[in-house]
Amino acid sequence: PTPGAITFEGANDFNIKQVEDAGMTAFPTLYIGKGWMNGKGEADEAKSYPPSDLTSDADPTYLYSQTYYNFVLQFMTFYAGHFDYVVVENEESSGLFWGGTADEYVRIVKTAYKAINDADPDVKVTNGGFVSSIFGLCMADDWIENGITTPEAAYDAVIEYSRAASESGETVLTTRELVTAALGQPDVQAECDEVTFILANIAGAVDALNFHFYEDPEVMHYVTEWYERRMGLGGYSVPLLSNESGQRGTLAYVATYDHAADVFRKMTTAAGLGLAAQLWFA
């Protein structure tokens, strides 16, 4: 609630203890949130914002934010030896969760990476995970802009990728015309620009790359292949994982054998594609 006044007897600490008492390892996501570090309150739209002291120039001790570095260092020092992975923020390309720019997020990850490594060098750091539904459009935009495929082939890939969402009524990218219209939307272009910027500039600040996935398992390979392409352009290579995989559908569907089979298919597909970890988001 105030600078330096972290307590380790709150709800998060209780949850971590419950996980560990059950013989498991917690896989936490660190949020800055809203409060003393950035002056934001409940009326502000996003769930997390950059700290007020975030700078453009790196300090050798704390990099881009002393308050954030100190917070992460204190938290991770207390929990040294407890975690295998730590996620920095959540869905950083979504304005619902991250209230800063893509460049500010990169600086946050770099600051967190240094603090985490200073406190517990054995922990692997990963980004927050991009929104599942955006990958088809961003992939197609990249393919078309760089002449990797014909626009028609890119449109067909988006339609295939979007099938699970279409069937659950969440989106209707079922024709090439609809894909063209979606790619022409400024908010889609802005989100894809943020995703590609982060992937291009996050080298050296993550030990793994994270994505969220709710589509059919048959199209998961599109995400892993596109991540490999973007890492290659950025000059780095790290393992891939998903800290939020789930299955779209109604509550009635959840109670069926088909749902159980779909969960199993998605988990085994992730293993077959070499994901370092996958967390099921029920």
Protein backbone atom coordinates (compact mmCIF):
# COMPACT_ATOMS: atom_id res chain seq x y z
CA PRO A 1 0.00 0.00 0.00
CA THR A 2 2.96 2.35 0.53
CA PRO A 3 6.59 2.34 -0.66
CA GLY A 4 8.62 -0.37 1.04
CA ALA A 5 5.70 -1.64 3.12
CA ILE A 6 5.27 -5.04 1.53
CA THR A 7 3.66 -7.57 3.85
CA PHE A 8 3.97 -11.31 3.34
CA GLU A 9 0.77 -12.29 5.13
CA GLY A 10 -1.79 -11.27 2.51
CA ALA A 11 -4.10 -13.17 0.15
CA ASN A 12 -1.35 -13.80 -2.40
CA ASP A 13 0.93 -15.26 0.25
CA PHE A 14 -1.90 -17.45 1.53
CA ASN A 15 -2.51 -18.74 -2.00
CA ILE A 16 1.18 -19.49 -2.54
CA LYS A 17 1.26 -21.40 0.75
CA GLN A 18 -1.83 -23.39 -0.22
CA VAL A 19 -0.22 -24.38 -3.51
CA GLU A 20 3.02 -25.40 -1.84
CA ASP A 21 1.25 -27.28 0.97
CA ALA A 22 -0.41 -29.35 -1.77
CA GLY A 23 3.01 -30.36 -3.08
CA MET A 24 2.96 -28.06 -6.12
CA THR A 25 4.96 -25.04 -7.27
CA ALA A 26 3.33 -21.64 -7.81
CA PHE A 27 3.68 -19.96 -11.22
CA PRO A 28 3.09 -16.30 -10.26
CA THR A 29 2.36 -13.23 -12.37
CA LEU A 30 3.77 -9.95 -11.05
CA TYR A 31 1.52 -6.90 -11.53
CA ILE A 32 2.40 -3.30 -10.79
CA GLY A 33 -1.32 -2.61 -10.59
CA LYS A 34 -2.62 0.81 -9.54
CA GLY A 35 -1.52 2.73 -6.47
CA TRP A 36 1.43 4.47 -4.90
CA MET A 37 3.90 3.41 -7.60
CA ASN A 38 2.05 5.21 -10.41
CA GLY A 39 -0.64 7.35 -8.78
CA LYS A 40 -3.43 5.48 -10.56
CA GLY A 41 -6.79 4.68 -8.99
CA GLU A 42 -9.80 2.47 -9.60
CA ALA A 43 -11.26 4.89 -12.16
CA ASP A 44 -8.29 4.35 -14.50
CA GLU A 45 -9.16 1.91 -17.28
CA ALA A 46 -6.30 -0.58 -17.37
CA LYS A 47 -5.43 -2.94 -14.53
CA SER A 48 -1.73 -2.02 -14.43
CA TYR A 49 0.37 1.04 -15.29
CA PRO A 50 4.09 1.90 -15.47
CA PRO A 51 5.64 3.44 -12.35
CA SER A 52 5.90 7.21 -12.21
CA ASP A 53 9.71 7.11 -12.01
CA LEU A 54 10.15 5.02 -15.19
CA THR A 55 13.02 6.53 -17.19
CA SER A 56 14.38 6.17 -20.70
CA ASP A 57 18.00 5.90 -19.54
CA ALA A 58 19.20 2.79 -17.77
CA ASP A 59 20.86 3.00 -14.37
CA PRO A 60 23.41 0.21 -13.82
CA THR A 61 21.86 -0.71 -10.46
CA TYR A 62 18.10 -0.65 -11.04
CA LEU A 63 17.79 -0.02 -14.80
CA TYR A 64 14.61 1.99 -15.61
CA SER A 65 12.68 2.34 -12.32
CA GLN A 66 14.10 2.33 -8.83
CA THR A 67 10.71 1.87 -7.13
CA TYR A 68 9.77 -1.09 -9.32
CA TYR A 69 13.22 -2.67 -9.04
CA ASN A 70 13.11 -2.38 -5.24
CA PHE A 71 9.59 -3.86 -5.11
CA VAL A 72 10.48 -6.87 -7.27
CA LEU A 73 13.80 -7.38 -5.46
CA GLN A 74 12.11 -7.37 -2.05
CA PHE A 75 9.35 -9.75 -3.15
CA MET A 76 11.68 -12.17 -4.93
CA THR A 77 14.24 -12.13 -2.11
CA PHE A 78 11.54 -13.22 0.31
CA TYR A 79 10.42 -16.00 -2.06
CA ALA A 80 13.87 -17.06 -3.23
CA GLY A 81 13.87 -20.76 -4.05
CA HIS A 82 10.08 -21.03 -4.30
CA PHE A 83 9.38 -20.46 -8.02
CA ASP A 84 10.57 -21.96 -11.28
CA TYR A 85 9.00 -19.22 -13.46
CA VAL A 86 7.77 -15.67 -12.93
CA VAL A 87 5.51 -13.87 -15.42
CA VAL A 88 5.80 -10.08 -15.81
CA GLU A 89 2.35 -8.48 -16.17
CA ASN A 90 -0.52 -10.00 -18.19
CA GLU A 91 -1.55 -9.61 -21.85
CA GLU A 92 0.70 -6.60 -22.30
CA SER A 93 -0.68 -5.80 -25.77
CA SER A 94 -4.20 -5.34 -24.34
CA GLY A 95 -5.31 -1.94 -23.06
CA LEU A 96 -7.55 -3.74 -20.58
CA PHE A 97 -4.51 -5.01 -18.67
CA TRP A 98 -1.53 -2.79 -19.55
CA GLY A 99 -1.98 0.99 -19.47
CA GLY A 100 1.46 1.89 -20.81
CA THR A 101 3.14 1.69 -24.20
CA ALA A 102 4.93 -1.28 -25.71
CA ASP A 103 8.26 0.48 -25.15
CA GLU A 104 7.40 1.09 -21.49
CA TYR A 105 6.54 -2.57 -21.11
CA VAL A 106 9.91 -3.61 -22.55
CA ARG A 107 11.66 -1.39 -20.00
CA ILE A 108 9.53 -2.89 -17.21
CA VAL A 109 10.46 -6.44 -18.24
CA LYS A 110 14.14 -5.54 -18.38
CA THR A 111 13.95 -3.98 -14.91
CA ALA A 112 12.06 -6.97 -13.52
CA TYR A 113 14.54 -9.37 -15.13
CA LYS A 114 17.48 -7.71 -13.39
CA ALA A 115 15.71 -7.58 -10.02
CA ILE A 116 14.60 -11.22 -10.24
CA ASN A 117 18.05 -12.39 -11.22
CA ASP A 118 19.64 -10.32 -8.46
CA ALA A 119 17.31 -11.99 -5.93
CA ASP A 120 17.06 -15.54 -7.30
CA PRO A 121 19.16 -16.36 -10.40
CA ASP A 122 17.49 -19.77 -10.81
CA VAL A 123 14.08 -18.30 -11.67
CA LYS A 124 13.10 -18.12 -15.35
CA VAL A 125 11.37 -14.92 -16.44
CA THR A 126 8.71 -14.67 -19.13
CA ASN A 127 6.47 -11.99 -20.61
CA GLY A 128 2.77 -11.68 -19.82
CA GLY A 129 1.40 -13.56 -22.83
CA PHE A 130 -0.37 -12.02 -25.79
CA VAL A 131 -4.13 -12.37 -26.32
CA SER A 132 -5.02 -15.65 -28.04
CA SER A 133 -7.38 -14.24 -30.67
CA ILE A 134 -4.92 -11.65 -32.04
CA PHE A 135 -2.34 -14.11 -33.36
CA GLY A 136 -4.14 -15.03 -36.56
CA LEU A 137 -4.51 -11.41 -37.61
CA CYS A 138 -0.97 -10.37 -36.63
CA MET A 139 0.50 -13.39 -38.42
CA ALA A 140 -1.49 -12.59 -41.58
CA ASP A 141 -0.53 -8.92 -41.41
CA ASP A 142 3.15 -9.90 -41.17
CA TRP A 143 2.89 -12.44 -44.00
CA ILE A 144 1.15 -10.01 -46.34
CA GLU A 145 3.34 -7.00 -45.55
CA ASN A 146 6.55 -8.97 -46.06
CA GLY A 147 5.42 -11.03 -49.06
CA ILE A 148 5.75 -14.37 -47.24
CA THR A 149 2.45 -15.66 -48.66
CA THR A 150 -0.25 -14.36 -50.95
CA PRO A 151 -2.98 -12.36 -49.23
CA GLU A 152 -5.45 -15.13 -50.08
CA ALA A 153 -3.33 -17.77 -48.30
CA ALA A 154 -2.93 -15.47 -45.30
CA TYR A 155 -6.70 -14.89 -45.15
CA ASP A 156 -7.37 -18.63 -45.27
CA ALA A 157 -4.92 -19.16 -42.36
CA VAL A 158 -6.75 -16.54 -40.27
CA ILE A 159 -10.10 -18.20 -40.99
CA GLU A 160 -8.66 -21.55 -39.94
CA TYR A 161 -7.09 -20.02 -36.83
CA SER A 162 -10.34 -18.26 -35.87
CA ARG A 163 -12.57 -21.30 -36.26
CA ALA A 164 -12.83 -22.11 -32.53
CA ALA A 165 -13.82 -18.55 -31.68
CA SER A 166 -16.30 -18.45 -34.56
CA GLU A 167 -18.00 -21.61 -33.38
CA SER A 168 -18.44 -20.19 -29.87
CA GLY A 169 -19.86 -16.91 -31.24
CA GLU A 170 -16.96 -14.70 -30.13
CA THR A 171 -15.88 -13.60 -33.60
CA VAL A 172 -16.96 -14.10 -37.18
CA LEU A 173 -13.77 -14.13 -39.25
CA THR A 174 -15.26 -16.68 -41.62
CA THR A 175 -14.64 -15.03 -45.00
CA ARG A 176 -11.74 -13.28 -46.69
CA GLU A 177 -13.77 -10.06 -46.78
CA LEU A 178 -14.23 -10.10 -43.02
CA VAL A 179 -10.51 -10.76 -42.50
CA THR A 180 -9.66 -7.83 -44.79
CA ALA A 181 -12.01 -5.59 -42.80
CA ALA A 182 -10.50 -6.73 -39.49
CA LEU A 183 -6.94 -6.10 -40.68
CA GLY A 184 -8.00 -2.59 -41.71
CA GLN A 185 -9.13 -1.66 -38.21
CA PRO A 186 -6.75 0.80 -36.47
CA ASP A 187 -7.02 -0.99 -33.11
CA VAL A 188 -5.98 -4.30 -34.70
CA GLN A 189 -3.03 -2.66 -36.43
CA ALA A 190 -2.03 -0.93 -33.19
CA GLU A 191 -2.13 -4.17 -31.21
CA CYS A 192 -0.13 -6.05 -33.85
CA ASP A 193 2.43 -3.23 -33.88
CA GLU A 194 2.75 -3.55 -30.10
CA VAL A 195 3.17 -7.32 -30.28
CA THR A 196 5.88 -7.16 -32.95
CA PHE A 197 7.66 -4.29 -31.16
CA ILE A 198 7.82 -6.23 -27.90
CA LEU A 199 9.01 -9.42 -29.61
CA ALA A 200 11.68 -7.42 -31.45
CA ASN A 201 13.03 -5.70 -28.34
CA ILE A 202 12.63 -8.13 -25.46
CA ALA A 203 15.82 -10.11 -26.19
CA GLY A 204 17.95 -10.62 -23.10
CA ALA A 205 15.08 -9.84 -20.72
CA VAL A 206 13.18 -13.16 -20.86
CA ASP A 207 14.17 -16.79 -20.47
CA ALA A 208 11.01 -17.95 -22.27
CA LEU A 209 8.26 -16.43 -24.44
CA ASN A 210 4.68 -16.74 -23.30
CA PHE A 211 1.42 -16.82 -25.29
CA HIS A 212 -2.22 -17.38 -24.38
CA PHE A 213 -4.20 -19.92 -26.36
CA TYR A 214 -7.92 -20.72 -26.61
CA GLU A 215 -8.12 -21.87 -30.22
CA ASP A 216 -8.24 -25.38 -31.67
CA PRO A 217 -5.09 -27.45 -31.02
CA GLU A 218 -4.65 -27.96 -34.77
CA VAL A 219 -3.71 -24.29 -35.20
CA MET A 220 -1.34 -23.94 -32.23
CA HIS A 221 1.58 -24.55 -34.58
CA TYR A 222 0.83 -21.19 -36.26
CA VAL A 223 1.70 -19.40 -33.02
CA THR A 224 4.88 -21.34 -32.30
CA GLU A 225 6.09 -20.97 -35.89
CA TRP A 226 5.35 -17.25 -35.91
CA TYR A 227 7.14 -16.78 -32.58
CA GLU A 228 10.16 -18.58 -34.02
CA ARG A 229 10.09 -16.23 -37.03
CA ARG A 230 9.86 -13.12 -34.88
CA MET A 231 12.65 -14.32 -32.56
CA GLY A 232 14.82 -14.99 -35.58
CA LEU A 233 14.28 -11.42 -36.78
CA GLY A 234 15.14 -10.20 -33.27
CA GLY A 235 18.33 -12.25 -33.12
CA TYR A 236 17.47 -14.43 -30.14
CA SER A 237 15.93 -17.79 -29.30
CA VAL A 238 14.25 -18.91 -26.06
CA PRO A 239 11.80 -21.71 -25.20
CA LEU A 240 8.06 -21.12 -25.60
CA LEU A 241 5.33 -21.69 -23.03
CA SER A 242 1.72 -20.81 -22.25
CA ASN A 243 0.63 -19.74 -18.78
CA GLU A 244 -2.98 -19.48 -19.97
CA SER A 245 -4.44 -22.16 -22.21
CA GLY A 246 -8.13 -22.92 -22.20
CA GLN A 247 -11.06 -24.20 -24.21
CA ARG A 248 -13.94 -22.03 -25.41
CA GLY A 249 -17.48 -23.33 -24.94
CA THR A 250 -20.61 -23.36 -22.83
CA LEU A 251 -21.00 -24.83 -19.37
CA ALA A 252 -22.96 -27.68 -20.93
CA TYR A 253 -20.01 -28.45 -23.21
CA VAL A 254 -17.63 -28.48 -20.23
CA ALA A 255 -19.55 -31.43 -18.77
CA THR A 256 -19.07 -33.60 -21.87
CA TYR A 257 -16.60 -36.25 -22.92
CA ASP A 258 -15.79 -34.09 -25.97
CA HIS A 259 -14.51 -31.34 -23.68
CA ALA A 260 -12.27 -33.79 -21.81
CA ALA A 261 -10.91 -35.05 -25.13
CA ASP A 262 -10.30 -31.49 -26.37
CA VAL A 263 -8.38 -30.64 -23.20
CA PHE A 264 -6.21 -33.71 -23.66
CA ARG A 265 -5.60 -32.92 -27.34
CA LYS A 266 -4.54 -29.38 -26.52
CA MET A 267 -2.15 -30.46 -23.75
CA THR A 268 -0.53 -33.18 -25.87
CA THR A 269 -0.26 -30.83 -28.87
CA ALA A 270 1.60 -28.32 -26.68
CA ALA A 271 3.96 -31.07 -25.52
CA GLY A 272 4.49 -32.20 -29.10
CA LEU A 273 5.36 -28.65 -30.17
CA GLY A 274 7.96 -28.50 -27.39
CA LEU A 275 6.38 -25.97 -25.02
CA ALA A 276 8.46 -25.74 -21.85
CA ALA A 277 5.30 -25.37 -19.73
CA GLN A 278 1.56 -25.08 -20.10
CA LEU A 279 -0.97 -23.93 -17.49
CA TRP A 280 -4.61 -24.84 -17.95
CA PHE A 281 -7.00 -21.91 -17.49
CA ALA A 282 -10.31 -23.55 -16.73
